[in-house]
Amino acid sequence: MTADDSNRFDTLGRLEDLPQDYRDELTAQNLVPLWPSLRAVLPPHVPTRRTRVTHWPYAPLRKLLLRAGELTPIEKAERRVLVLANPGHGLEKMQASAAMYLGMQLLLPGELAPAHRHTPNAVRMVVEGEGAWTLVDGEKCPMQRGDLILTPTGLWHEHGHDGQDPVIWLDVLDLPLIYYTETSYHEEGPSQPARPATGDRAYARGGVVPTTVFQRSERRYPMLRYAWSDARAALESLADSQPDLECVQITYVNPETGQDAENILGFHALMLRPGQTLRIPAMSPAQVLHQIDGATEVSVSDQRIDLAEAGTCAIPGYTAITLTNASAQAPSFLFIADESPLHRKLGVHEIRQDRA
């Protein structure tokens, strides 16, 4: 933008410049003049972002979540969740970013979170504990630490716990977007007949899928559980086979189509080699980083976050990130959720290599 453009942009009229009677008449007709607000909705070069860099360390969150387990029985909570709210959007909005909702959910031994379905897409990233399961569209998916489990839009799902210790997982939903489009609702239903999960075994190896003679599976989501043991093995194999590869990252995809695992949010796993520093260029989508194993120093703008195991942080779009493995001896593993599928569909996805 030239100096002349900047001067022209700065001289746009203000709402206060208009006579009060004219403004009153506009209001009476449900009309709004654009020019006083033009720079707010179409700023130069970089969008206005409400999402702030926000860190949710796990230790204090876990303490409060377990306290919630003492204070509120599952029958009165349905889903016992503490929402990770970004202050830039206002805590009452319960948003981590423009399109992402985050919640840390607790299930105690013997509890059952009843069956329901809803229009927002959801995934579960298991943080700690053993013995819980999620029943999605009739498939009983065991929940083990680091596993990613899909509960896509419209599919019945419920959670149960047959183990001995608390189980906690991170929920990631596209709820803010679905709510904004006035399409968010849920339905309660009966428990679904259970059958063993098969997708994580049928598609357990990269590059091969079950042969279908006449057509692909009729299921829109043929794989619902992505085991961390497989994802970690893929990252380690990638790092070993390509020692010069700077960014060791995998993307969770639909194994039959190769497209994103869900249609609005993207999900990835990243490995930092011991002592490695990795710069991620500024991209249009906001990102959420969750530490699965190890510890990572996250540098963004003028802020630094020490992301310990099970910690989570949100990063606004159009912001470069520098990640440093805090250990010189062991790798660091991160789960990443972002808005990239949505941005690609909207035609606004950008990567800016030359900007912070």
Foldseek 3Di string as FASTA:
>chain_A
DDPVVVVVLVPFDAPVVDDPVVVVVCVVVVHDDCRNCVCQCPPPPDHDFLADWDWDADPVVVVVLVVLCVVDPCVRVLWSWDWPAGPSVPVVLQANGQQKTKIKTKDAAFDKNAKKFKAKKKKKAWADDFFKWKQWLQATGGDDHRKIFIRHHPIIMMMHGNDHGMTMIMMMIRVNVCVVVVNIDMGGDHDDHHDHQDLCPQLVDPPDHDDDDPDDDPDPQNHGMHDRVSQVVQLVVVCVVCVPDQWSKDWPPRRVPRHANDQFKTKMKTKAAAFDKDKAFAKQKKKKKFWRDAWKWKDKDPDIDTHGHGMMIIGHGRIMIMITGPGNPGMTMIMMMIRVSNCVVVVNIDGDRPGD
